[in-house]
Amino acid sequence: MAVKMNVVGGALTQGGKLQPFVADKGDPGAPGAAGAPSTVAGPEGNDGWTPILAGEADGTRTLIKVVDWTGGEGTKPATGMYIGATGYVATKALAFNFNAIKRVFPMSAVTNASGIATFNLTPYGFTAIPQVIPLPATTAVISGATRSVVTGTTTLTQAQVKVDQAGLLTGAVTLLVGATSNVLIIEQ
């Protein structure tokens, strides 16, 4: 049962009391002076539209897109927009990422003649520059402690790490060539 309030006069008076009038959907309106139906009820509006939503993968992101509408009357609204942080947005770049899980990748690469290890990030399809956490490197011989530091600029497609070590006896810091650099790559 749909409920409508009589908006003509707001309420009916009976014996000095205000009595709101409630009508079933389809009733022509509030009763008239002698209890006869009135013809003052306004027309009902159109039924509203309900969006049909679909998940869409965008690299590591999960977006929600409006793919169709159902149940409404009148002209159907546009499709193809995404759900953003504050409502509908037109582009994937502005869409909210509904994938709350961050991926973590342990990676290893061998250092070159400059003591730099380069990690290829292209296969992971990052949409934001990931965090790179250098871990101790491993060498083929027993040596002093190794130190890995991020060098250069990490991009969506690669990260570089420099590896050096302090000599056991001398304490002199030298670059390590041919060492295995270990890192954790964390999606942002």
N, C-alpha and C. Protein backbone atom coordinates (compact mmCIF):
# COMPACT_ATOMS: atom_id res chain seq x y z
N MET A 1 0.85 -1.17 0.00
CA MET A 1 0.00 0.00 0.00
C MET A 1 0.89 1.23 0.00
N ALA A 2 0.75 2.07 -1.00
CA ALA A 2 1.48 3.33 -1.03
C ALA A 2 0.69 4.35 -0.23
N VAL A 3 1.37 5.25 0.42
CA VAL A 3 0.71 6.23 1.27
C VAL A 3 0.92 7.61 0.67
N LYS A 4 -0.16 8.39 0.58
CA LYS A 4 -0.10 9.78 0.12
C LYS A 4 -0.79 10.65 1.14
N MET A 5 -0.25 11.82 1.36
CA MET A 5 -0.93 12.78 2.24
C MET A 5 -1.70 13.74 1.36
N ASN A 6 -2.87 14.12 1.80
CA ASN A 6 -3.66 15.11 1.09
C ASN A 6 -2.97 16.45 1.25
N VAL A 7 -2.47 17.01 0.16
CA VAL A 7 -1.75 18.27 0.25
C VAL A 7 -2.66 19.47 0.01
N VAL A 8 -3.89 19.21 -0.40
CA VAL A 8 -4.84 20.32 -0.57
C VAL A 8 -5.48 20.56 0.78
N GLY A 9 -5.13 21.65 1.46
CA GLY A 9 -5.66 21.94 2.79
C GLY A 9 -4.85 21.27 3.88
N GLY A 10 -3.99 20.32 3.58
CA GLY A 10 -3.11 19.70 4.56
C GLY A 10 -3.78 18.63 5.40
N ALA A 11 -5.02 18.83 5.87
CA ALA A 11 -5.73 17.85 6.69
C ALA A 11 -7.19 18.25 6.73
N LEU A 12 -8.01 17.32 7.14
CA LEU A 12 -9.43 17.59 7.25
C LEU A 12 -9.78 17.77 8.72
N THR A 13 -10.74 18.62 8.97
CA THR A 13 -11.16 18.80 10.36
C THR A 13 -12.46 18.05 10.59
N GLN A 14 -12.52 17.36 11.72
CA GLN A 14 -13.75 16.67 12.12
C GLN A 14 -13.89 16.88 13.61
N GLY A 15 -14.90 17.58 14.01
CA GLY A 15 -15.13 17.82 15.42
C GLY A 15 -14.04 18.67 16.05
N GLY A 16 -13.43 19.57 15.29
CA GLY A 16 -12.41 20.45 15.83
C GLY A 16 -11.03 19.83 15.89
N LYS A 17 -10.85 18.55 15.47
CA LYS A 17 -9.53 17.90 15.47
C LYS A 17 -9.01 17.82 14.04
N LEU A 18 -7.70 17.94 13.90
CA LEU A 18 -7.10 17.76 12.59
C LEU A 18 -6.91 16.26 12.35
N GLN A 19 -7.45 15.78 11.27
CA GLN A 19 -7.35 14.37 10.91
C GLN A 19 -6.68 14.26 9.55
N PRO A 20 -5.41 13.84 9.48
CA PRO A 20 -4.78 13.71 8.16
C PRO A 20 -5.50 12.64 7.35
N PHE A 21 -5.53 12.85 6.05
CA PHE A 21 -6.17 11.91 5.14
C PHE A 21 -5.10 11.07 4.47
N VAL A 22 -5.21 9.76 4.52
CA VAL A 22 -4.28 8.83 3.88
C VAL A 22 -5.06 8.08 2.82
N ALA A 23 -4.52 8.06 1.61
CA ALA A 23 -5.22 7.38 0.51
C ALA A 23 -4.33 6.28 -0.06
N ASP A 24 -4.95 5.20 -0.51
CA ASP A 24 -4.22 4.16 -1.22
C ASP A 24 -3.80 4.69 -2.59
N LYS A 25 -2.74 4.11 -3.14
CA LYS A 25 -2.30 4.48 -4.47
C LYS A 25 -3.45 4.25 -5.43
N GLY A 26 -3.71 5.20 -6.27
CA GLY A 26 -4.79 5.09 -7.23
C GLY A 26 -6.08 5.76 -6.78
N ASP A 27 -6.19 6.13 -5.48
CA ASP A 27 -7.37 6.86 -5.04
C ASP A 27 -7.37 8.22 -5.72
N PRO A 28 -8.52 8.71 -6.13
CA PRO A 28 -8.57 9.98 -6.84
C PRO A 28 -8.27 11.18 -5.95
N GLY A 29 -8.33 11.07 -4.65
CA GLY A 29 -8.02 12.21 -3.80
C GLY A 29 -8.77 12.14 -2.50
N ALA A 30 -8.71 13.21 -1.73
CA ALA A 30 -9.36 13.27 -0.42
C ALA A 30 -10.86 13.33 -0.59
N PRO A 31 -11.59 12.85 0.41
CA PRO A 31 -13.05 12.94 0.31
C PRO A 31 -13.50 14.40 0.29
N GLY A 32 -14.55 14.66 -0.45
CA GLY A 32 -15.10 16.01 -0.53
C GLY A 32 -15.92 16.34 0.71
N ALA A 33 -16.70 17.41 0.63
CA ALA A 33 -17.46 17.92 1.77
C ALA A 33 -18.45 16.87 2.28
N ALA A 34 -19.06 16.11 1.40
CA ALA A 34 -20.06 15.13 1.83
C ALA A 34 -19.51 13.72 1.77
N GLY A 35 -18.19 13.59 1.79
CA GLY A 35 -17.58 12.26 1.73
C GLY A 35 -17.39 11.77 0.32
N ALA A 36 -17.75 12.57 -0.69
CA ALA A 36 -17.59 12.16 -2.08
C ALA A 36 -16.14 12.36 -2.51
N PRO A 37 -15.64 11.54 -3.43
CA PRO A 37 -14.26 11.69 -3.88
C PRO A 37 -14.02 13.06 -4.51
N SER A 38 -12.83 13.59 -4.28
CA SER A 38 -12.41 14.86 -4.87
C SER A 38 -11.56 14.57 -6.09
N THR A 39 -11.41 15.50 -6.94
CA THR A 39 -10.59 15.32 -8.14
C THR A 39 -9.33 16.19 -8.08
N VAL A 40 -8.86 16.53 -6.87
CA VAL A 40 -7.73 17.45 -6.74
C VAL A 40 -6.37 16.76 -6.59
N ALA A 41 -6.32 15.44 -6.54
CA ALA A 41 -5.02 14.76 -6.38
C ALA A 41 -4.20 14.96 -7.64
N GLY A 42 -2.89 15.24 -7.47
CA GLY A 42 -1.99 15.45 -8.61
C GLY A 42 -1.53 14.13 -9.19
N PRO A 43 -0.93 14.19 -10.35
CA PRO A 43 -0.44 12.96 -10.98
C PRO A 43 0.81 12.45 -10.26
N GLU A 44 1.01 11.14 -10.33
CA GLU A 44 2.22 10.53 -9.78
C GLU A 44 3.37 10.80 -10.73
N GLY A 45 4.57 10.89 -10.18
CA GLY A 45 5.77 11.06 -11.01
C GLY A 45 6.22 9.74 -11.61
N ASN A 46 7.22 9.82 -12.46
CA ASN A 46 7.78 8.62 -13.08
C ASN A 46 8.48 7.76 -12.04
N ASP A 47 8.50 6.44 -12.29
CA ASP A 47 9.30 5.54 -11.47
C ASP A 47 10.77 5.86 -11.70
N GLY A 48 11.57 5.79 -10.64
CA GLY A 48 12.99 6.09 -10.76
C GLY A 48 13.77 4.95 -11.38
N TRP A 49 14.94 5.27 -11.92
CA TRP A 49 15.81 4.30 -12.55
C TRP A 49 16.79 3.72 -11.53
N THR A 50 17.13 2.45 -11.68
CA THR A 50 18.11 1.78 -10.82
C THR A 50 19.30 1.40 -11.70
N PRO A 51 20.53 1.78 -11.30
CA PRO A 51 21.68 1.45 -12.14
C PRO A 51 22.02 -0.04 -12.08
N ILE A 52 22.50 -0.57 -13.20
CA ILE A 52 23.06 -1.91 -13.26
C ILE A 52 24.57 -1.70 -13.27
N LEU A 53 25.23 -2.23 -12.25
CA LEU A 53 26.66 -2.00 -12.05
C LEU A 53 27.46 -3.24 -12.41
N ALA A 54 28.69 -3.00 -12.89
CA ALA A 54 29.58 -4.11 -13.22
C ALA A 54 30.99 -3.76 -12.76
N GLY A 55 31.71 -4.76 -12.29
CA GLY A 55 33.11 -4.55 -11.94
C GLY A 55 33.95 -4.52 -13.20
N GLU A 56 35.00 -3.71 -13.18
CA GLU A 56 35.90 -3.62 -14.32
C GLU A 56 37.33 -3.56 -13.81
N ALA A 57 38.17 -4.45 -14.33
CA ALA A 57 39.58 -4.45 -13.95
C ALA A 57 40.31 -3.37 -14.74
N ASP A 58 41.16 -2.64 -14.05
CA ASP A 58 41.99 -1.61 -14.67
C ASP A 58 43.39 -1.78 -14.08
N GLY A 59 44.17 -2.69 -14.67
CA GLY A 59 45.46 -3.04 -14.07
C GLY A 59 45.20 -3.73 -12.75
N THR A 60 45.74 -3.16 -11.67
CA THR A 60 45.54 -3.75 -10.35
C THR A 60 44.31 -3.19 -9.66
N ARG A 61 43.67 -2.21 -10.27
CA ARG A 61 42.50 -1.57 -9.66
C ARG A 61 41.22 -2.31 -10.04
N THR A 62 40.23 -2.23 -9.18
CA THR A 62 38.91 -2.74 -9.48
C THR A 62 37.95 -1.56 -9.44
N LEU A 63 37.33 -1.27 -10.56
CA LEU A 63 36.42 -0.14 -10.69
C LEU A 63 34.99 -0.64 -10.81
N ILE A 64 34.03 0.22 -10.51
CA ILE A 64 32.63 -0.12 -10.71
C ILE A 64 32.07 0.85 -11.74
N LYS A 65 31.45 0.28 -12.78
CA LYS A 65 30.97 1.05 -13.93
C LYS A 65 29.45 0.87 -14.06
N VAL A 66 28.76 1.94 -14.44
CA VAL A 66 27.32 1.86 -14.74
C VAL A 66 27.19 1.38 -16.18
N VAL A 67 26.66 0.15 -16.35
CA VAL A 67 26.56 -0.44 -17.69
C VAL A 67 25.16 -0.36 -18.28
N ASP A 68 24.15 -0.15 -17.43
CA ASP A 68 22.78 -0.04 -17.92
C ASP A 68 21.91 0.47 -16.78
N TRP A 69 20.64 0.68 -17.07
CA TRP A 69 19.65 1.11 -16.07
C TRP A 69 18.42 0.24 -16.22
N THR A 70 17.68 0.06 -15.12
CA THR A 70 16.48 -0.78 -15.17
C THR A 70 15.37 -0.16 -14.33
N GLY A 71 14.14 -0.51 -14.68
CA GLY A 71 12.99 -0.22 -13.85
C GLY A 71 12.39 1.17 -13.91
N GLY A 72 12.93 2.06 -14.67
CA GLY A 72 12.43 3.43 -14.65
C GLY A 72 11.46 3.72 -15.76
N GLU A 73 10.97 4.94 -15.72
CA GLU A 73 10.07 5.44 -16.76
C GLU A 73 10.70 6.69 -17.36
N GLY A 74 10.34 6.99 -18.58
CA GLY A 74 10.89 8.17 -19.23
C GLY A 74 12.22 7.84 -19.89
N THR A 75 13.01 8.85 -20.14
CA THR A 75 14.28 8.66 -20.83
C THR A 75 15.30 8.01 -19.90
N LYS A 76 15.93 6.94 -20.39
CA LYS A 76 16.93 6.22 -19.61
C LYS A 76 18.18 7.09 -19.46
N PRO A 77 18.78 7.16 -18.26
CA PRO A 77 20.01 7.94 -18.06
C PRO A 77 21.19 7.37 -18.85
N ALA A 78 22.23 8.15 -18.99
CA ALA A 78 23.43 7.74 -19.71
C ALA A 78 24.14 6.60 -18.98
N THR A 79 24.93 5.83 -19.72
CA THR A 79 25.74 4.76 -19.14
C THR A 79 27.22 5.07 -19.40
N GLY A 80 28.08 4.21 -18.86
CA GLY A 80 29.50 4.33 -19.13
C GLY A 80 30.28 5.09 -18.08
N MET A 81 29.59 5.69 -17.12
CA MET A 81 30.32 6.41 -16.07
C MET A 81 30.75 5.44 -14.98
N TYR A 82 31.70 5.89 -14.17
CA TYR A 82 32.25 5.09 -13.07
C TYR A 82 31.84 5.70 -11.74
N ILE A 83 31.95 4.91 -10.69
CA ILE A 83 31.68 5.43 -9.36
C ILE A 83 32.98 5.99 -8.79
N GLY A 84 32.93 7.26 -8.42
CA GLY A 84 34.08 7.93 -7.81
C GLY A 84 33.87 8.06 -6.32
N ALA A 85 34.75 8.77 -5.66
CA ALA A 85 34.68 8.93 -4.21
C ALA A 85 33.46 9.74 -3.78
N THR A 86 32.95 10.61 -4.65
CA THR A 86 31.81 11.46 -4.26
C THR A 86 30.63 11.35 -5.21
N GLY A 87 30.62 10.37 -6.10
CA GLY A 87 29.51 10.21 -7.03
C GLY A 87 30.01 9.68 -8.36
N TYR A 88 29.22 9.89 -9.41
CA TYR A 88 29.60 9.41 -10.73
C TYR A 88 30.72 10.27 -11.31
N VAL A 89 31.68 9.61 -11.99
CA VAL A 89 32.77 10.30 -12.68
C VAL A 89 32.86 9.75 -14.09
N ALA A 90 33.43 10.56 -15.00
CA ALA A 90 33.43 10.19 -16.41
C ALA A 90 34.60 9.30 -16.82
N THR A 91 35.71 9.33 -16.08
CA THR A 91 36.90 8.61 -16.53
C THR A 91 37.39 7.61 -15.49
N LYS A 92 38.16 6.63 -15.98
CA LYS A 92 38.77 5.63 -15.09
C LYS A 92 39.73 6.29 -14.10
N ALA A 93 40.44 7.32 -14.56
CA ALA A 93 41.43 7.98 -13.70
C ALA A 93 40.79 8.56 -12.45
N LEU A 94 39.53 9.00 -12.54
CA LEU A 94 38.84 9.60 -11.40
C LEU A 94 38.04 8.59 -10.58
N ALA A 95 37.97 7.35 -11.08
CA ALA A 95 37.16 6.33 -10.41
C ALA A 95 37.82 5.85 -9.12
N PHE A 96 36.99 5.45 -8.17
CA PHE A 96 37.46 4.92 -6.89
C PHE A 96 37.95 3.49 -7.09
N ASN A 97 39.07 3.14 -6.45
CA ASN A 97 39.60 1.78 -6.51
C ASN A 97 38.95 0.96 -5.41
N PHE A 98 38.10 0.01 -5.78
CA PHE A 98 37.41 -0.83 -4.81
C PHE A 98 38.24 -2.05 -4.42
N ASN A 99 39.46 -2.17 -4.95
CA ASN A 99 40.36 -3.26 -4.59
C ASN A 99 41.21 -2.79 -3.43
N ALA A 100 40.89 -3.21 -2.23
CA ALA A 100 41.58 -2.73 -1.04
C ALA A 100 42.84 -3.53 -0.73
N ILE A 101 43.10 -4.57 -1.46
CA ILE A 101 44.25 -5.42 -1.19
C ILE A 101 45.45 -4.89 -1.97
N LYS A 102 46.55 -4.69 -1.25
CA LYS A 102 47.79 -4.27 -1.90
C LYS A 102 48.65 -5.50 -2.16
N ARG A 103 49.19 -5.57 -3.34
CA ARG A 103 50.05 -6.69 -3.68
C ARG A 103 51.48 -6.40 -3.20
N VAL A 104 52.15 -7.44 -2.74
CA VAL A 104 53.55 -7.34 -2.31
C VAL A 104 54.34 -8.37 -3.11
N PHE A 105 55.42 -7.91 -3.74
CA PHE A 105 56.25 -8.80 -4.55
C PHE A 105 57.68 -8.83 -4.01
N PRO A 106 58.18 -9.98 -3.57
CA PRO A 106 59.61 -10.08 -3.29
C PRO A 106 60.31 -10.27 -4.63
N MET A 107 61.36 -9.51 -4.87
CA MET A 107 62.07 -9.60 -6.15
C MET A 107 63.57 -9.63 -5.91
N SER A 108 64.29 -10.22 -6.85
CA SER A 108 65.74 -10.27 -6.81
C SER A 108 66.28 -9.91 -8.19
N ALA A 109 67.43 -9.22 -8.21
CA ALA A 109 68.11 -8.90 -9.46
C ALA A 109 69.60 -8.80 -9.16
N VAL A 110 70.41 -9.09 -10.16
CA VAL A 110 71.86 -9.06 -10.00
C VAL A 110 72.37 -7.66 -10.34
N THR A 111 73.34 -7.19 -9.53
CA THR A 111 73.89 -5.85 -9.75
C THR A 111 74.84 -5.84 -10.95
N ASN A 112 74.89 -4.69 -11.62
CA ASN A 112 75.77 -4.51 -12.78
C ASN A 112 77.13 -3.98 -12.34
N ALA A 113 77.94 -3.53 -13.30
CA ALA A 113 79.29 -3.05 -13.00
C ALA A 113 79.30 -1.81 -12.12
N SER A 114 78.18 -1.12 -12.02
CA SER A 114 78.07 0.07 -11.16
C SER A 114 77.45 -0.26 -9.81
N GLY A 115 77.21 -1.53 -9.54
CA GLY A 115 76.61 -1.93 -8.27
C GLY A 115 75.11 -1.67 -8.22
N ILE A 116 74.49 -1.52 -9.39
CA ILE A 116 73.06 -1.19 -9.48
C ILE A 116 72.29 -2.40 -9.99
N ALA A 117 71.21 -2.74 -9.30
CA ALA A 117 70.29 -3.79 -9.75
C ALA A 117 69.02 -3.11 -10.27
N THR A 118 68.57 -3.53 -11.43
CA THR A 118 67.37 -2.95 -12.03
C THR A 118 66.26 -4.00 -12.01
N PHE A 119 65.09 -3.59 -11.51
CA PHE A 119 63.93 -4.48 -11.39
C PHE A 119 62.88 -4.06 -12.41
N ASN A 120 62.45 -5.02 -13.23
CA ASN A 120 61.44 -4.75 -14.25
C ASN A 120 60.05 -4.88 -13.61
N LEU A 121 59.29 -3.78 -13.57
CA LEU A 121 57.96 -3.78 -12.96
C LEU A 121 56.83 -3.83 -13.99
N THR A 122 57.17 -3.81 -15.27
CA THR A 122 56.16 -3.76 -16.33
C THR A 122 55.11 -4.86 -16.24
N PRO A 123 55.49 -6.12 -15.96
CA PRO A 123 54.45 -7.18 -15.95
C PRO A 123 53.37 -7.00 -14.89
N TYR A 124 53.61 -6.16 -13.90
CA TYR A 124 52.66 -6.04 -12.80
C TYR A 124 51.59 -4.99 -13.04
N GLY A 125 51.74 -4.17 -14.04
CA GLY A 125 50.70 -3.21 -14.42
C GLY A 125 50.35 -2.21 -13.33
N PHE A 126 51.35 -1.69 -12.62
CA PHE A 126 51.07 -0.71 -11.58
C PHE A 126 50.44 0.54 -12.17
N THR A 127 49.47 1.11 -11.44
CA THR A 127 48.86 2.38 -11.86
C THR A 127 49.34 3.54 -10.99
N ALA A 128 50.06 3.23 -9.92
CA ALA A 128 50.71 4.23 -9.07
C ALA A 128 52.12 3.71 -8.78
N ILE A 129 53.06 4.62 -8.62
CA ILE A 129 54.45 4.21 -8.38
C ILE A 129 54.51 3.42 -7.07
N PRO A 130 55.05 2.18 -7.12
CA PRO A 130 55.07 1.35 -5.92
C PRO A 130 56.16 1.77 -4.95
N GLN A 131 56.04 1.30 -3.72
CA GLN A 131 57.08 1.51 -2.71
C GLN A 131 58.12 0.41 -2.88
N VAL A 132 59.39 0.78 -2.79
CA VAL A 132 60.48 -0.18 -2.91
C VAL A 132 61.20 -0.25 -1.57
N ILE A 133 61.27 -1.43 -0.98
CA ILE A 133 61.96 -1.61 0.30
C ILE A 133 63.17 -2.50 0.05
N PRO A 134 64.37 -1.91 0.07
CA PRO A 134 65.58 -2.71 -0.15
C PRO A 134 65.86 -3.62 1.05
N LEU A 135 66.30 -4.83 0.77
CA LEU A 135 66.68 -5.81 1.79
C LEU A 135 68.18 -6.09 1.62
N PRO A 136 68.82 -6.74 2.59
CA PRO A 136 70.25 -7.07 2.42
C PRO A 136 70.47 -7.91 1.16
N ALA A 137 71.58 -7.64 0.50
CA ALA A 137 71.94 -8.39 -0.70
C ALA A 137 72.71 -9.64 -0.31
N THR A 138 72.80 -10.57 -1.25
CA THR A 138 73.60 -11.77 -1.02
C THR A 138 74.76 -11.77 -2.01
N THR A 139 75.91 -12.22 -1.56
CA THR A 139 77.10 -12.26 -2.41
C THR A 139 77.60 -13.68 -2.52
N ALA A 140 78.50 -13.90 -3.48
CA ALA A 140 79.04 -15.24 -3.71
C ALA A 140 80.15 -15.58 -2.71
N VAL A 141 80.69 -14.56 -2.05
CA VAL A 141 81.77 -14.80 -1.09
C VAL A 141 81.40 -14.21 0.25
N ILE A 142 82.04 -14.67 1.30
CA ILE A 142 81.80 -14.09 2.62
C ILE A 142 82.38 -12.68 2.63
N SER A 143 81.59 -11.75 3.00
CA SER A 143 82.04 -10.36 3.01
C SER A 143 81.39 -9.65 4.18
N GLY A 144 81.64 -8.38 4.28
CA GLY A 144 81.01 -7.59 5.33
C GLY A 144 79.54 -7.38 5.04
N ALA A 145 78.92 -6.61 5.91
CA ALA A 145 77.49 -6.34 5.77
C ALA A 145 77.20 -5.61 4.47
N THR A 146 76.11 -5.96 3.83
CA THR A 146 75.71 -5.28 2.60
C THR A 146 74.63 -4.26 2.94
N ARG A 147 74.55 -3.26 2.11
CA ARG A 147 73.54 -2.21 2.29
C ARG A 147 72.94 -1.93 0.94
N SER A 148 71.63 -1.90 0.87
CA SER A 148 70.93 -1.60 -0.37
C SER A 148 70.16 -0.30 -0.18
N VAL A 149 70.29 0.58 -1.14
CA VAL A 149 69.54 1.84 -1.10
C VAL A 149 68.90 2.07 -2.45
N VAL A 150 67.73 2.67 -2.43
CA VAL A 150 67.04 2.98 -3.68
C VAL A 150 67.82 4.09 -4.36
N THR A 151 68.06 3.93 -5.63
CA THR A 151 68.79 4.94 -6.39
C THR A 151 67.96 5.36 -7.60
N GLY A 152 68.20 6.54 -8.08
CA GLY A 152 67.45 7.02 -9.25
C GLY A 152 65.99 7.20 -8.91
N THR A 153 65.16 7.09 -9.90
CA THR A 153 63.73 7.30 -9.72
C THR A 153 62.98 6.00 -10.00
N THR A 154 62.15 5.60 -9.08
CA THR A 154 61.28 4.45 -9.31
C THR A 154 60.12 4.92 -10.17
N THR A 155 59.77 4.15 -11.18
CA THR A 155 58.67 4.49 -12.08
C THR A 155 57.65 3.36 -12.05
N LEU A 156 56.65 3.45 -12.90
CA LEU A 156 55.66 2.38 -13.01
C LEU A 156 56.27 1.13 -13.63
N THR A 157 57.37 1.29 -14.36
CA THR A 157 57.93 0.16 -15.10
C THR A 157 59.25 -0.37 -14.57
N GLN A 158 59.95 0.39 -13.71
CA GLN A 158 61.21 -0.13 -13.18
C GLN A 158 61.60 0.53 -11.86
N ALA A 159 62.46 -0.18 -11.13
CA ALA A 159 63.05 0.35 -9.89
C ALA A 159 64.52 -0.02 -9.92
N GLN A 160 65.35 0.85 -9.35
CA GLN A 160 66.78 0.56 -9.28
C GLN A 160 67.25 0.64 -7.84
N VAL A 161 68.16 -0.28 -7.49
CA VAL A 161 68.72 -0.33 -6.14
C VAL A 161 70.23 -0.45 -6.26
N LYS A 162 70.95 0.35 -5.46
CA LYS A 162 72.42 0.29 -5.41
C LYS A 162 72.81 -0.56 -4.20
N VAL A 163 73.78 -1.43 -4.40
CA VAL A 163 74.23 -2.31 -3.32
C VAL A 163 75.71 -2.02 -3.05
N ASP A 164 76.04 -1.81 -1.78
CA ASP A 164 77.44 -1.66 -1.41
C ASP A 164 77.70 -2.44 -0.13
N GLN A 165 78.97 -2.54 0.25
CA GLN A 165 79.33 -3.28 1.45
C GLN A 165 80.50 -2.60 2.15
N ALA A 166 80.57 -2.84 3.44
CA ALA A 166 81.71 -2.39 4.22
C ALA A 166 82.64 -3.58 4.38
N GLY A 167 83.92 -3.40 4.07
CA GLY A 167 84.90 -4.49 4.18
C GLY A 167 85.00 -4.99 5.62
N LEU A 168 85.22 -6.31 5.77
CA LEU A 168 85.31 -6.91 7.10
C LEU A 168 86.44 -6.30 7.93
N LEU A 169 87.58 -6.16 7.34
CA LEU A 169 88.73 -5.68 8.08
C LEU A 169 88.96 -4.18 7.93
N THR A 170 88.73 -3.68 6.75
CA THR A 170 89.06 -2.28 6.49
C THR A 170 87.91 -1.34 6.79
N GLY A 171 86.68 -1.80 6.68
CA GLY A 171 85.51 -0.95 6.85
C GLY A 171 85.25 -0.06 5.65
N ALA A 172 86.09 -0.16 4.61
CA ALA A 172 85.90 0.65 3.41
C ALA A 172 84.64 0.20 2.67
N VAL A 173 83.87 1.17 2.21
CA VAL A 173 82.63 0.89 1.50
C VAL A 173 82.92 0.77 0.01
N THR A 174 82.53 -0.33 -0.57
CA THR A 174 82.71 -0.53 -2.01
C THR A 174 81.40 -1.01 -2.61
N LEU A 175 81.25 -0.72 -3.90
CA LEU A 175 80.07 -1.20 -4.63
C LEU A 175 80.21 -2.69 -4.88
N LEU A 176 79.12 -3.40 -4.86
CA LEU A 176 79.14 -4.83 -5.13
C LEU A 176 78.69 -5.11 -6.56
N VAL A 177 79.55 -5.75 -7.31
CA VAL A 177 79.23 -6.14 -8.68
C VAL A 177 78.89 -7.62 -8.65
N GLY A 178 77.80 -8.01 -9.29
CA GLY A 178 77.41 -9.41 -9.35
C GLY A 178 76.72 -9.92 -8.09
N ALA A 179 76.36 -9.02 -7.19
CA ALA A 179 75.62 -9.43 -5.99
C ALA A 179 74.14 -9.56 -6.35
N THR A 180 73.42 -10.33 -5.58
CA THR A 180 71.98 -10.45 -5.78
C THR A 180 71.29 -9.49 -4.82
N SER A 181 70.64 -8.50 -5.40
CA SER A 181 69.91 -7.50 -4.63
C SER A 181 68.49 -8.02 -4.40
N ASN A 182 68.00 -7.88 -3.19
CA ASN A 182 66.65 -8.33 -2.82
C ASN A 182 65.82 -7.15 -2.38
N VAL A 183 64.59 -7.09 -2.86
CA VAL A 183 63.69 -5.99 -2.48
C VAL A 183 62.27 -6.52 -2.30
N LEU A 184 61.47 -5.72 -1.62
CA LEU A 184 60.02 -5.92 -1.60
C LEU A 184 59.42 -4.76 -2.37
N ILE A 185 58.54 -5.07 -3.31
CA ILE A 185 57.82 -4.06 -4.08
C ILE A 185 56.39 -4.08 -3.55
N ILE A 186 55.91 -2.95 -3.05
CA ILE A 186 54.57 -2.88 -2.47
C ILE A 186 53.70 -1.93 -3.26
N GLU A 187 52.57 -2.43 -3.70
CA GLU A 187 51.62 -1.63 -4.46
C GLU A 187 51.06 -0.51 -3.60
N GLN A 188 50.95 0.66 -4.18
CA GLN A 188 50.40 1.82 -3.45
C GLN A 188 48.93 2.01 -3.79
